[in-house]
Amino acid sequence: MSSAGPVETVRRRRVTADGYAKGRARRRQIIAAAAELYGEVGYRSASLREVAARAGLSHPGLLHHFGTKEALLLAVLEQRDEEDTAAFVEGRRGVAALAGIVDIVERNTRRPAIVELFCVLSAEATAVDHPAHAWFRQRYGTVLAAAATAYREAAEDGRLRAEVDPEDAARRLVALMDGLQVQFLYDRDGTDMVARLRAELQSELTVPLA
């Protein structure tokens, strides 16, 4: 049984909470440095030592938070998803949520290095023994479910064409987004991801896409 008094117990809890907060802040700092470096030189050319230096850490210090290069990349992708969802989809319903997806694609046109990372890793991760396999499997399930929900809400609001099935439309939407990203990487000037995605969505709706 601990012999620490109430004051000491509170102090220890405060120190622990401060430590957690500092750890989360340091992780965000590392992720930001990694995303910046990946955007400049690409994932394959960026080493953990370079990321650590940019984040103002030692190599062992970075490894304390991210033990492998793959783990750090996943953190970058996860944060990208969280930021995109919070900025463009969270709190939106139906057609507004679908318009938010278009906004995310438009944002991606300004960060091709991250798009490339996602395309490469998502293809590699189809192998069941890949370290990112479980994450991508879960992510695709989440994205499909969110898209289907947006389509169902649009239907409930009378804004989806009667012949459009929400589940099928969601799968087509995700497939189109993935395909456009690959085309964009091969031909950035000739592939307008935003216009093509907007046209597809508009063809399914009975109202203008906001």
N, C-alpha and C. Protein backbone atom coordinates (compact mmCIF):
# COMPACT_ATOMS: atom_id res chain seq x y z
N MET A 1 0.84 -1.19 0.00
CA MET A 1 0.00 0.00 0.00
C MET A 1 0.87 1.23 0.00
N SER A 2 0.51 2.26 -0.79
CA SER A 2 1.31 3.46 -0.87
C SER A 2 1.21 4.26 0.40
N SER A 3 2.36 4.83 0.82
CA SER A 3 2.39 5.65 2.03
C SER A 3 2.26 7.13 1.70
N ALA A 4 2.09 7.47 0.40
CA ALA A 4 2.00 8.87 0.01
C ALA A 4 0.70 9.48 0.49
N GLY A 5 0.77 10.73 0.98
CA GLY A 5 -0.41 11.43 1.44
C GLY A 5 -1.18 12.01 0.28
N PRO A 6 -2.35 12.62 0.56
CA PRO A 6 -3.19 13.19 -0.50
C PRO A 6 -2.48 14.23 -1.34
N VAL A 7 -1.68 15.11 -0.70
CA VAL A 7 -0.98 16.16 -1.44
C VAL A 7 0.04 15.56 -2.40
N GLU A 8 0.79 14.57 -1.91
CA GLU A 8 1.80 13.93 -2.75
C GLU A 8 1.15 13.17 -3.89
N THR A 9 0.02 12.53 -3.62
CA THR A 9 -0.69 11.80 -4.67
C THR A 9 -1.15 12.74 -5.78
N VAL A 10 -1.70 13.90 -5.40
CA VAL A 10 -2.13 14.89 -6.38
C VAL A 10 -0.94 15.39 -7.18
N ARG A 11 0.19 15.63 -6.50
CA ARG A 11 1.39 16.11 -7.19
C ARG A 11 1.86 15.10 -8.22
N ARG A 12 1.86 13.83 -7.85
CA ARG A 12 2.30 12.79 -8.78
C ARG A 12 1.38 12.69 -9.98
N ARG A 13 0.08 12.80 -9.73
CA ARG A 13 -0.86 12.75 -10.84
C ARG A 13 -0.66 13.93 -11.78
N ARG A 14 -0.37 15.09 -11.22
CA ARG A 14 -0.15 16.27 -12.04
C ARG A 14 1.10 16.12 -12.88
N VAL A 15 2.14 15.58 -12.28
CA VAL A 15 3.39 15.35 -13.02
C VAL A 15 3.15 14.36 -14.15
N THR A 16 2.38 13.30 -13.85
CA THR A 16 2.08 12.30 -14.87
C THR A 16 1.28 12.91 -16.02
N ALA A 17 0.27 13.73 -15.67
CA ALA A 17 -0.54 14.39 -16.70
C ALA A 17 0.30 15.33 -17.55
N ASP A 18 1.21 16.07 -16.90
CA ASP A 18 2.09 16.96 -17.64
C ASP A 18 2.98 16.17 -18.59
N GLY A 19 3.45 15.02 -18.10
CA GLY A 19 4.29 14.18 -18.95
C GLY A 19 3.56 13.67 -20.17
N TYR A 20 2.30 13.25 -19.98
CA TYR A 20 1.49 12.80 -21.12
C TYR A 20 1.27 13.93 -22.11
N ALA A 21 0.96 15.13 -21.60
CA ALA A 21 0.72 16.28 -22.48
C ALA A 21 1.96 16.62 -23.29
N LYS A 22 3.12 16.61 -22.62
CA LYS A 22 4.37 16.89 -23.33
C LYS A 22 4.67 15.82 -24.36
N GLY A 23 4.34 14.57 -24.01
CA GLY A 23 4.58 13.48 -24.96
C GLY A 23 3.71 13.62 -26.21
N ARG A 24 2.43 14.00 -26.01
CA ARG A 24 1.55 14.20 -27.16
C ARG A 24 2.02 15.37 -28.02
N ALA A 25 2.47 16.43 -27.35
CA ALA A 25 2.97 17.59 -28.10
C ALA A 25 4.21 17.22 -28.90
N ARG A 26 5.08 16.42 -28.31
CA ARG A 26 6.30 16.01 -29.00
C ARG A 26 5.98 15.12 -30.19
N ARG A 27 4.98 14.24 -30.04
CA ARG A 27 4.57 13.39 -31.15
C ARG A 27 4.03 14.23 -32.31
N ARG A 28 3.22 15.23 -31.97
CA ARG A 28 2.70 16.12 -33.02
C ARG A 28 3.83 16.85 -33.72
N GLN A 29 4.85 17.24 -32.96
CA GLN A 29 6.00 17.93 -33.52
C GLN A 29 6.75 17.01 -34.50
N ILE A 30 6.92 15.77 -34.13
CA ILE A 30 7.61 14.81 -34.98
C ILE A 30 6.81 14.55 -36.25
N ILE A 31 5.50 14.37 -36.11
CA ILE A 31 4.64 14.10 -37.26
C ILE A 31 4.67 15.27 -38.24
N ALA A 32 4.63 16.49 -37.71
CA ALA A 32 4.68 17.67 -38.58
C ALA A 32 6.00 17.74 -39.32
N ALA A 33 7.10 17.44 -38.62
CA ALA A 33 8.42 17.46 -39.26
C ALA A 33 8.51 16.38 -40.34
N ALA A 34 7.96 15.20 -40.05
CA ALA A 34 8.00 14.11 -41.02
C ALA A 34 7.18 14.45 -42.26
N ALA A 35 5.98 14.98 -42.06
CA ALA A 35 5.13 15.34 -43.20
C ALA A 35 5.81 16.38 -44.08
N GLU A 36 6.46 17.34 -43.44
CA GLU A 36 7.17 18.39 -44.18
C GLU A 36 8.32 17.80 -44.98
N LEU A 37 9.10 16.92 -44.35
CA LEU A 37 10.25 16.32 -45.01
C LEU A 37 9.81 15.38 -46.13
N TYR A 38 8.77 14.58 -45.89
CA TYR A 38 8.26 13.69 -46.93
C TYR A 38 7.81 14.49 -48.14
N GLY A 39 7.21 15.64 -47.88
CA GLY A 39 6.76 16.48 -48.98
C GLY A 39 7.90 17.04 -49.80
N GLU A 40 9.06 17.19 -49.18
CA GLU A 40 10.21 17.77 -49.88
C GLU A 40 11.04 16.72 -50.62
N VAL A 41 11.30 15.58 -49.96
CA VAL A 41 12.22 14.60 -50.56
C VAL A 41 11.58 13.24 -50.80
N GLY A 42 10.33 13.06 -50.34
CA GLY A 42 9.68 11.76 -50.50
C GLY A 42 9.94 10.85 -49.32
N TYR A 43 9.05 9.90 -49.12
CA TYR A 43 9.16 8.99 -47.97
C TYR A 43 10.41 8.12 -48.04
N ARG A 44 10.69 7.58 -49.22
CA ARG A 44 11.81 6.65 -49.33
C ARG A 44 13.15 7.32 -49.06
N SER A 45 13.27 8.60 -49.44
CA SER A 45 14.56 9.28 -49.27
C SER A 45 14.74 9.88 -47.89
N ALA A 46 13.68 9.99 -47.13
CA ALA A 46 13.76 10.61 -45.81
C ALA A 46 14.11 9.56 -44.75
N SER A 47 15.13 9.83 -43.98
CA SER A 47 15.51 8.90 -42.92
C SER A 47 14.95 9.38 -41.58
N LEU A 48 14.87 8.47 -40.63
CA LEU A 48 14.40 8.84 -39.30
C LEU A 48 15.37 9.83 -38.64
N ARG A 49 16.64 9.72 -38.95
CA ARG A 49 17.62 10.67 -38.39
C ARG A 49 17.35 12.09 -38.90
N GLU A 50 16.99 12.19 -40.20
CA GLU A 50 16.68 13.51 -40.75
C GLU A 50 15.41 14.08 -40.11
N VAL A 51 14.41 13.23 -39.90
CA VAL A 51 13.18 13.68 -39.25
C VAL A 51 13.49 14.14 -37.83
N ALA A 52 14.31 13.37 -37.12
CA ALA A 52 14.66 13.72 -35.75
C ALA A 52 15.37 15.07 -35.70
N ALA A 53 16.30 15.29 -36.61
CA ALA A 53 17.03 16.56 -36.64
C ALA A 53 16.09 17.72 -36.90
N ARG A 54 15.14 17.53 -37.82
CA ARG A 54 14.20 18.61 -38.15
C ARG A 54 13.27 18.89 -36.97
N ALA A 55 12.98 17.86 -36.19
CA ALA A 55 12.10 18.02 -35.04
C ALA A 55 12.86 18.48 -33.79
N GLY A 56 14.18 18.60 -33.91
CA GLY A 56 14.98 19.04 -32.77
C GLY A 56 15.20 17.96 -31.73
N LEU A 57 15.26 16.70 -32.20
CA LEU A 57 15.43 15.57 -31.30
C LEU A 57 16.65 14.75 -31.69
N SER A 58 17.08 13.92 -30.77
CA SER A 58 18.10 12.94 -31.12
C SER A 58 17.40 11.76 -31.79
N HIS A 59 18.18 10.92 -32.46
CA HIS A 59 17.61 9.74 -33.08
C HIS A 59 16.96 8.82 -32.05
N PRO A 60 17.65 8.52 -30.92
CA PRO A 60 17.00 7.70 -29.89
C PRO A 60 15.74 8.36 -29.33
N GLY A 61 15.75 9.69 -29.25
CA GLY A 61 14.57 10.39 -28.76
C GLY A 61 13.36 10.19 -29.66
N LEU A 62 13.59 10.21 -30.97
CA LEU A 62 12.49 9.96 -31.91
C LEU A 62 12.02 8.51 -31.80
N LEU A 63 12.95 7.58 -31.68
CA LEU A 63 12.59 6.17 -31.59
C LEU A 63 11.78 5.87 -30.34
N HIS A 64 11.89 6.71 -29.33
CA HIS A 64 11.08 6.53 -28.12
C HIS A 64 9.60 6.70 -28.46
N HIS A 65 9.28 7.56 -29.43
CA HIS A 65 7.89 7.82 -29.81
C HIS A 65 7.45 6.98 -31.00
N PHE A 66 8.36 6.75 -31.95
CA PHE A 66 8.05 5.97 -33.15
C PHE A 66 9.20 5.01 -33.39
N GLY A 67 8.93 3.74 -33.13
CA GLY A 67 10.01 2.76 -33.19
C GLY A 67 10.47 2.39 -34.58
N THR A 68 9.62 2.63 -35.60
CA THR A 68 9.99 2.28 -36.97
C THR A 68 9.58 3.39 -37.92
N LYS A 69 10.16 3.38 -39.09
CA LYS A 69 9.82 4.35 -40.12
C LYS A 69 8.37 4.16 -40.57
N GLU A 70 7.93 2.89 -40.62
CA GLU A 70 6.56 2.61 -41.03
C GLU A 70 5.55 3.16 -40.02
N ALA A 71 5.88 3.03 -38.72
CA ALA A 71 4.97 3.53 -37.68
C ALA A 71 4.81 5.05 -37.80
N LEU A 72 5.89 5.73 -38.10
CA LEU A 72 5.82 7.18 -38.25
C LEU A 72 4.99 7.56 -39.48
N LEU A 73 5.16 6.83 -40.57
CA LEU A 73 4.38 7.11 -41.78
C LEU A 73 2.89 6.93 -41.50
N LEU A 74 2.54 5.86 -40.80
CA LEU A 74 1.14 5.63 -40.47
C LEU A 74 0.58 6.79 -39.64
N ALA A 75 1.40 7.29 -38.73
CA ALA A 75 0.96 8.42 -37.90
C ALA A 75 0.71 9.65 -38.75
N VAL A 76 1.56 9.87 -39.75
CA VAL A 76 1.36 11.01 -40.67
C VAL A 76 0.04 10.85 -41.42
N LEU A 77 -0.22 9.65 -41.93
CA LEU A 77 -1.46 9.40 -42.67
C LEU A 77 -2.68 9.51 -41.78
N GLU A 78 -2.58 8.99 -40.55
CA GLU A 78 -3.69 9.06 -39.61
C GLU A 78 -4.03 10.52 -39.30
N GLN A 79 -2.99 11.32 -39.06
CA GLN A 79 -3.24 12.72 -38.75
C GLN A 79 -3.86 13.43 -39.95
N ARG A 80 -3.41 13.08 -41.15
CA ARG A 80 -4.00 13.67 -42.35
C ARG A 80 -5.49 13.38 -42.41
N ASP A 81 -5.86 12.13 -42.14
CA ASP A 81 -7.27 11.76 -42.16
C ASP A 81 -8.06 12.52 -41.10
N GLU A 82 -7.50 12.60 -39.90
CA GLU A 82 -8.19 13.29 -38.81
C GLU A 82 -8.40 14.77 -39.13
N GLU A 83 -7.37 15.41 -39.67
CA GLU A 83 -7.48 16.83 -40.02
C GLU A 83 -8.49 17.04 -41.14
N ASP A 84 -8.46 16.17 -42.15
CA ASP A 84 -9.38 16.30 -43.27
C ASP A 84 -10.82 16.13 -42.80
N THR A 85 -11.05 15.12 -41.96
CA THR A 85 -12.40 14.87 -41.48
C THR A 85 -12.91 16.04 -40.64
N ALA A 86 -12.06 16.53 -39.76
CA ALA A 86 -12.47 17.64 -38.90
C ALA A 86 -12.74 18.90 -39.70
N ALA A 87 -11.95 19.14 -40.73
CA ALA A 87 -12.06 20.38 -41.49
C ALA A 87 -13.20 20.37 -42.51
N PHE A 88 -13.49 19.20 -43.11
CA PHE A 88 -14.39 19.20 -44.26
C PHE A 88 -15.62 18.31 -44.14
N VAL A 89 -15.64 17.36 -43.24
CA VAL A 89 -16.75 16.41 -43.20
C VAL A 89 -17.50 16.42 -41.87
N GLU A 90 -16.77 16.52 -40.77
CA GLU A 90 -17.38 16.43 -39.45
C GLU A 90 -18.49 17.46 -39.27
N GLY A 91 -19.64 17.01 -38.81
CA GLY A 91 -20.75 17.93 -38.59
C GLY A 91 -21.58 18.21 -39.82
N ARG A 92 -21.19 17.69 -40.97
CA ARG A 92 -21.96 17.90 -42.20
C ARG A 92 -22.86 16.70 -42.46
N ARG A 93 -23.90 16.95 -43.23
CA ARG A 93 -24.88 15.90 -43.49
C ARG A 93 -25.20 15.85 -44.98
N GLY A 94 -25.45 14.63 -45.47
CA GLY A 94 -25.95 14.45 -46.82
C GLY A 94 -25.11 15.11 -47.90
N VAL A 95 -25.73 15.98 -48.67
CA VAL A 95 -25.04 16.64 -49.78
C VAL A 95 -23.86 17.46 -49.28
N ALA A 96 -24.00 18.09 -48.11
CA ALA A 96 -22.91 18.89 -47.56
C ALA A 96 -21.70 18.01 -47.25
N ALA A 97 -21.94 16.80 -46.76
CA ALA A 97 -20.84 15.87 -46.48
C ALA A 97 -20.17 15.42 -47.76
N LEU A 98 -20.96 15.18 -48.81
CA LEU A 98 -20.39 14.80 -50.10
C LEU A 98 -19.57 15.95 -50.68
N ALA A 99 -20.05 17.18 -50.50
CA ALA A 99 -19.28 18.34 -50.95
C ALA A 99 -17.97 18.45 -50.17
N GLY A 100 -18.00 18.06 -48.89
CA GLY A 100 -16.78 18.08 -48.08
C GLY A 100 -15.73 17.12 -48.61
N ILE A 101 -16.17 15.99 -49.15
CA ILE A 101 -15.23 15.04 -49.75
C ILE A 101 -14.54 15.67 -50.95
N VAL A 102 -15.29 16.44 -51.75
CA VAL A 102 -14.70 17.14 -52.88
C VAL A 102 -13.66 18.15 -52.38
N ASP A 103 -13.95 18.80 -51.26
CA ASP A 103 -12.99 19.75 -50.68
C ASP A 103 -11.70 19.05 -50.28
N ILE A 104 -11.82 17.84 -49.75
CA ILE A 104 -10.62 17.08 -49.38
C ILE A 104 -9.78 16.76 -50.61
N VAL A 105 -10.43 16.35 -51.69
CA VAL A 105 -9.71 16.05 -52.93
C VAL A 105 -9.01 17.31 -53.46
N GLU A 106 -9.71 18.45 -53.37
CA GLU A 106 -9.10 19.70 -53.81
C GLU A 106 -7.86 20.01 -52.98
N ARG A 107 -7.93 19.75 -51.69
CA ARG A 107 -6.77 19.96 -50.81
C ARG A 107 -5.62 19.05 -51.22
N ASN A 108 -5.96 17.82 -51.61
CA ASN A 108 -4.92 16.86 -51.98
C ASN A 108 -4.14 17.29 -53.22
N THR A 109 -4.76 18.07 -54.09
CA THR A 109 -4.05 18.54 -55.28
C THR A 109 -2.88 19.43 -54.91
N ARG A 110 -2.89 19.97 -53.69
CA ARG A 110 -1.80 20.85 -53.24
C ARG A 110 -0.76 20.12 -52.41
N ARG A 111 -0.92 18.81 -52.23
CA ARG A 111 0.08 18.03 -51.49
C ARG A 111 0.30 16.68 -52.18
N PRO A 112 0.84 16.71 -53.39
CA PRO A 112 1.02 15.48 -54.17
C PRO A 112 1.94 14.47 -53.49
N ALA A 113 2.89 14.93 -52.68
CA ALA A 113 3.78 13.97 -52.03
C ALA A 113 3.01 13.07 -51.06
N ILE A 114 2.05 13.65 -50.35
CA ILE A 114 1.24 12.85 -49.43
C ILE A 114 0.33 11.91 -50.21
N VAL A 115 -0.20 12.37 -51.34
CA VAL A 115 -1.02 11.51 -52.20
C VAL A 115 -0.21 10.32 -52.68
N GLU A 116 1.03 10.59 -53.08
CA GLU A 116 1.90 9.50 -53.54
C GLU A 116 2.17 8.49 -52.44
N LEU A 117 2.46 8.99 -51.24
CA LEU A 117 2.70 8.10 -50.11
C LEU A 117 1.50 7.20 -49.88
N PHE A 118 0.32 7.80 -49.89
CA PHE A 118 -0.89 7.04 -49.64
C PHE A 118 -1.10 5.97 -50.70
N CYS A 119 -0.95 6.33 -51.97
CA CYS A 119 -1.16 5.37 -53.06
C CYS A 119 -0.20 4.20 -52.97
N VAL A 120 1.06 4.50 -52.75
CA VAL A 120 2.08 3.44 -52.68
C VAL A 120 1.82 2.53 -51.50
N LEU A 121 1.61 3.12 -50.34
CA LEU A 121 1.46 2.31 -49.14
C LEU A 121 0.17 1.51 -49.17
N SER A 122 -0.92 2.09 -49.68
CA SER A 122 -2.19 1.36 -49.72
C SER A 122 -2.08 0.14 -50.63
N ALA A 123 -1.30 0.25 -51.71
CA ALA A 123 -1.10 -0.90 -52.60
C ALA A 123 -0.24 -1.96 -51.92
N GLU A 124 0.84 -1.53 -51.30
CA GLU A 124 1.73 -2.49 -50.62
C GLU A 124 1.00 -3.19 -49.47
N ALA A 125 0.11 -2.47 -48.81
CA ALA A 125 -0.53 -2.99 -47.61
C ALA A 125 -1.63 -4.01 -47.90
N THR A 126 -1.89 -4.30 -49.17
CA THR A 126 -2.86 -5.35 -49.46
C THR A 126 -2.34 -6.72 -49.01
N ALA A 127 -1.02 -6.84 -48.88
CA ALA A 127 -0.43 -8.08 -48.36
C ALA A 127 -0.77 -8.20 -46.88
N VAL A 128 -1.28 -9.34 -46.47
CA VAL A 128 -1.77 -9.50 -45.10
C VAL A 128 -0.66 -9.38 -44.06
N ASP A 129 0.59 -9.62 -44.47
CA ASP A 129 1.69 -9.53 -43.51
C ASP A 129 2.34 -8.14 -43.48
N HIS A 130 1.77 -7.18 -44.23
CA HIS A 130 2.31 -5.83 -44.23
C HIS A 130 1.94 -5.14 -42.92
N PRO A 131 2.86 -4.35 -42.33
CA PRO A 131 2.56 -3.70 -41.04
C PRO A 131 1.38 -2.73 -41.08
N ALA A 132 1.02 -2.25 -42.27
CA ALA A 132 -0.09 -1.30 -42.37
C ALA A 132 -1.38 -1.96 -42.86
N HIS A 133 -1.38 -3.28 -43.01
CA HIS A 133 -2.54 -3.96 -43.58
C HIS A 133 -3.81 -3.72 -42.76
N ALA A 134 -3.72 -3.93 -41.48
CA ALA A 134 -4.90 -3.80 -40.61
C ALA A 134 -5.42 -2.36 -40.62
N TRP A 135 -4.50 -1.40 -40.60
CA TRP A 135 -4.91 0.00 -40.58
C TRP A 135 -5.66 0.37 -41.86
N PHE A 136 -5.14 -0.03 -43.02
CA PHE A 136 -5.80 0.31 -44.28
C PHE A 136 -7.12 -0.43 -44.42
N ARG A 137 -7.16 -1.66 -43.97
CA ARG A 137 -8.43 -2.42 -44.03
C ARG A 137 -9.50 -1.70 -43.23
N GLN A 138 -9.15 -1.29 -42.03
CA GLN A 138 -10.10 -0.58 -41.19
C GLN A 138 -10.48 0.77 -41.80
N ARG A 139 -9.49 1.46 -42.35
CA ARG A 139 -9.75 2.78 -42.92
C ARG A 139 -10.72 2.70 -44.09
N TYR A 140 -10.52 1.72 -44.98
CA TYR A 140 -11.43 1.60 -46.12
C TYR A 140 -12.85 1.30 -45.65
N GLY A 141 -12.97 0.49 -44.62
CA GLY A 141 -14.29 0.22 -44.07
C GLY A 141 -14.94 1.48 -43.52
N THR A 142 -14.15 2.29 -42.83
CA THR A 142 -14.66 3.53 -42.25
C THR A 142 -15.07 4.53 -43.33
N VAL A 143 -14.22 4.66 -44.36
CA VAL A 143 -14.51 5.60 -45.45
C VAL A 143 -15.76 5.18 -46.22
N LEU A 144 -15.88 3.89 -46.51
CA LEU A 144 -17.06 3.40 -47.22
C LEU A 144 -18.34 3.64 -46.42
N ALA A 145 -18.25 3.38 -45.12
CA ALA A 145 -19.42 3.57 -44.26
C ALA A 145 -19.82 5.04 -44.20
N ALA A 146 -18.83 5.93 -44.11
CA ALA A 146 -19.13 7.36 -44.04
C ALA A 146 -19.75 7.86 -45.35
N ALA A 147 -19.22 7.38 -46.48
CA ALA A 147 -19.77 7.79 -47.78
C ALA A 147 -21.19 7.27 -47.94
N ALA A 148 -21.42 6.02 -47.56
CA ALA A 148 -22.76 5.44 -47.67
C ALA A 148 -23.75 6.21 -46.79
N THR A 149 -23.31 6.61 -45.61
CA THR A 149 -24.18 7.39 -44.72
C THR A 149 -24.55 8.72 -45.37
N ALA A 150 -23.57 9.39 -45.96
CA ALA A 150 -23.83 10.67 -46.63
C ALA A 150 -24.84 10.49 -47.77
N TYR A 151 -24.68 9.41 -48.54
CA TYR A 151 -25.63 9.15 -49.63
C TYR A 151 -27.03 8.86 -49.07
N ARG A 152 -27.11 8.05 -48.01
CA ARG A 152 -28.42 7.74 -47.42
C ARG A 152 -29.10 9.00 -46.91
N GLU A 153 -28.32 9.87 -46.28
CA GLU A 153 -28.88 11.13 -45.79
C GLU A 153 -29.37 12.00 -46.94
N ALA A 154 -28.61 12.00 -48.02
CA ALA A 154 -29.04 12.76 -49.20
C ALA A 154 -30.36 12.21 -49.74
N ALA A 155 -30.49 10.88 -49.71
CA ALA A 155 -31.73 10.25 -50.16
C ALA A 155 -32.89 10.63 -49.23
N GLU A 156 -32.64 10.60 -47.93
CA GLU A 156 -33.68 10.97 -46.96
C GLU A 156 -34.14 12.41 -47.15
N ASP A 157 -33.20 13.26 -47.57
CA ASP A 157 -33.52 14.68 -47.78
C ASP A 157 -34.12 14.95 -49.15
N GLY A 158 -34.32 13.87 -49.95
CA GLY A 158 -34.89 14.02 -51.27
C GLY A 158 -33.94 14.63 -52.27
N ARG A 159 -32.64 14.48 -52.04
CA ARG A 159 -31.65 15.11 -52.91
C ARG A 159 -30.82 14.10 -53.72
N LEU A 160 -31.14 12.83 -53.58
CA LEU A 160 -30.43 11.79 -54.34
C LEU A 160 -31.40 11.19 -55.35
N ARG A 161 -30.92 10.97 -56.57
CA ARG A 161 -31.78 10.40 -57.60
C ARG A 161 -32.28 9.02 -57.14
N ALA A 162 -33.50 8.72 -57.49
CA ALA A 162 -34.16 7.50 -57.00
C ALA A 162 -33.42 6.23 -57.40
N GLU A 163 -32.80 6.24 -58.58
CA GLU A 163 -32.14 5.03 -59.07
C GLU A 163 -30.76 4.79 -58.45
N VAL A 164 -30.28 5.72 -57.64
CA VAL A 164 -28.93 5.60 -57.05
C VAL A 164 -29.01 4.86 -55.73
N ASP A 165 -28.31 3.73 -55.64
CA ASP A 165 -28.23 2.97 -54.39
C ASP A 165 -27.07 3.50 -53.55
N PRO A 166 -27.31 3.92 -52.31
CA PRO A 166 -26.24 4.52 -51.48
C PRO A 166 -25.02 3.64 -51.30
N GLU A 167 -25.22 2.35 -51.09
CA GLU A 167 -24.08 1.45 -50.88
C GLU A 167 -23.23 1.34 -52.15
N ASP A 168 -23.89 1.13 -53.28
CA ASP A 168 -23.16 1.03 -54.55
C ASP A 168 -22.47 2.36 -54.88
N ALA A 169 -23.18 3.45 -54.65
CA ALA A 169 -22.61 4.77 -54.94
C ALA A 169 -21.38 5.03 -54.11
N ALA A 170 -21.41 4.60 -52.85
CA ALA A 170 -20.25 4.81 -51.96
C ALA A 170 -19.03 4.06 -52.49
N ARG A 171 -19.23 2.83 -52.95
CA ARG A 171 -18.11 2.05 -53.48
C ARG A 171 -17.57 2.67 -54.77
N ARG A 172 -18.47 3.15 -55.62
CA ARG A 172 -18.01 3.81 -56.85
C ARG A 172 -17.24 5.08 -56.53
N LEU A 173 -17.71 5.80 -55.54
CA LEU A 173 -17.05 7.05 -55.16
C LEU A 173 -15.63 6.80 -54.68
N VAL A 174 -15.45 5.83 -53.78
CA VAL A 174 -14.12 5.53 -53.26
C VAL A 174 -13.21 5.02 -54.37
N ALA A 175 -13.75 4.16 -55.24
CA ALA A 175 -12.95 3.65 -56.36
C ALA A 175 -12.54 4.78 -57.29
N LEU A 176 -13.45 5.72 -57.54
CA LEU A 176 -13.12 6.85 -58.41
C LEU A 176 -12.03 7.72 -57.79
N MET A 177 -12.14 7.97 -56.51
CA MET A 177 -11.14 8.79 -55.83
C MET A 177 -9.77 8.14 -55.91
N ASP A 178 -9.71 6.83 -55.64
CA ASP A 178 -8.43 6.12 -55.70
C ASP A 178 -7.86 6.15 -57.12
N GLY A 179 -8.70 5.89 -58.10
CA GLY A 179 -8.23 5.89 -59.48
C GLY A 179 -7.76 7.26 -59.94
N LEU A 180 -8.49 8.29 -59.56
CA LEU A 180 -8.09 9.65 -59.94
C LEU A 180 -6.75 10.04 -59.32
N GLN A 181 -6.51 9.56 -58.11
CA GLN A 181 -5.23 9.88 -57.48
C GLN A 181 -4.07 9.30 -58.26
N VAL A 182 -4.22 8.07 -58.72
CA VAL A 182 -3.16 7.44 -59.52
C VAL A 182 -2.97 8.21 -60.83
N GLN A 183 -4.07 8.54 -61.50
CA GLN A 183 -3.97 9.30 -62.75
C GLN A 183 -3.32 10.66 -62.51
N PHE A 184 -3.67 11.28 -61.40
CA PHE A 184 -3.11 12.59 -61.05
C PHE A 184 -1.59 12.50 -60.87
N LEU A 185 -1.12 11.44 -60.27
CA LEU A 185 0.32 11.29 -60.04
C LEU A 185 1.08 11.10 -61.34
N TYR A 186 0.42 10.47 -62.33
CA TYR A 186 1.07 10.28 -63.63
C TYR A 186 0.96 11.51 -64.52
N ASP A 187 -0.14 12.26 -64.35
CA ASP A 187 -0.38 13.41 -65.22
C ASP A 187 -1.06 14.51 -64.40
N ARG A 188 -0.26 15.27 -63.67
CA ARG A 188 -0.83 16.26 -62.76
C ARG A 188 -1.50 17.41 -63.50
N ASP A 189 -0.94 17.80 -64.63
CA ASP A 189 -1.52 18.92 -65.37
C ASP A 189 -2.78 18.50 -66.13
N GLY A 190 -2.84 17.26 -66.54
CA GLY A 190 -3.96 16.82 -67.35
C GLY A 190 -5.08 16.13 -66.60
N THR A 191 -4.93 15.96 -65.29
CA THR A 191 -5.95 15.26 -64.50
C THR A 191 -6.56 16.22 -63.48
N ASP A 192 -7.78 16.62 -63.72
CA ASP A 192 -8.50 17.51 -62.81
C ASP A 192 -9.37 16.64 -61.90
N MET A 193 -8.80 16.22 -60.78
CA MET A 193 -9.51 15.33 -59.88
C MET A 193 -10.80 15.97 -59.36
N VAL A 194 -10.72 17.23 -59.05
CA VAL A 194 -11.88 17.92 -58.45
C VAL A 194 -13.03 17.98 -59.44
N ALA A 195 -12.77 18.39 -60.67
CA ALA A 195 -13.83 18.52 -61.67
C ALA A 195 -14.48 17.17 -61.97
N ARG A 196 -13.66 16.12 -62.09
CA ARG A 196 -14.20 14.81 -62.42
C ARG A 196 -15.04 14.24 -61.28
N LEU A 197 -14.55 14.42 -60.06
CA LEU A 197 -15.31 13.93 -58.90
C LEU A 197 -16.60 14.72 -58.74
N ARG A 198 -16.53 16.02 -58.90
CA ARG A 198 -17.72 16.87 -58.78
C ARG A 198 -18.77 16.47 -59.83
N ALA A 199 -18.33 16.20 -61.06
CA ALA A 199 -19.26 15.83 -62.13
C ALA A 199 -19.95 14.50 -61.80
N GLU A 200 -19.19 13.55 -61.25
CA GLU A 200 -19.78 12.26 -60.89
C GLU A 200 -20.84 12.44 -59.81
N LEU A 201 -20.52 13.17 -58.78
CA LEU A 201 -21.47 13.40 -57.69
C LEU A 201 -22.70 14.15 -58.19
N GLN A 202 -22.48 15.16 -59.01
CA GLN A 202 -23.60 15.95 -59.50
C GLN A 202 -24.57 15.10 -60.30
N SER A 203 -24.05 14.11 -61.02
CA SER A 203 -24.92 13.25 -61.83
C SER A 203 -25.83 12.38 -60.98
N GLU A 204 -25.51 12.25 -59.69
CA GLU A 204 -26.29 11.41 -58.79
C GLU A 204 -27.30 12.20 -57.96
N LEU A 205 -27.17 13.52 -57.99
CA LEU A 205 -27.99 14.37 -57.12
C LEU A 205 -29.10 15.09 -57.90
N THR A 206 -30.10 15.51 -57.16
CA THR A 206 -31.20 16.27 -57.76
C THR A 206 -31.07 17.75 -57.48
N VAL A 207 -30.04 18.14 -56.74
CA VAL A 207 -29.80 19.55 -56.42
C VAL A 207 -28.33 19.86 -56.73
N PRO A 208 -27.99 21.13 -56.89
CA PRO A 208 -26.59 21.48 -57.14
C PRO A 208 -25.70 21.08 -55.96
N LEU A 209 -24.51 20.58 -56.27
CA LEU A 209 -23.55 20.24 -55.22
C LEU A 209 -22.97 21.54 -54.69
N ALA A 210 -23.17 21.78 -53.39
CA ALA A 210 -22.74 23.06 -52.81
C ALA A 210 -21.24 23.20 -52.91
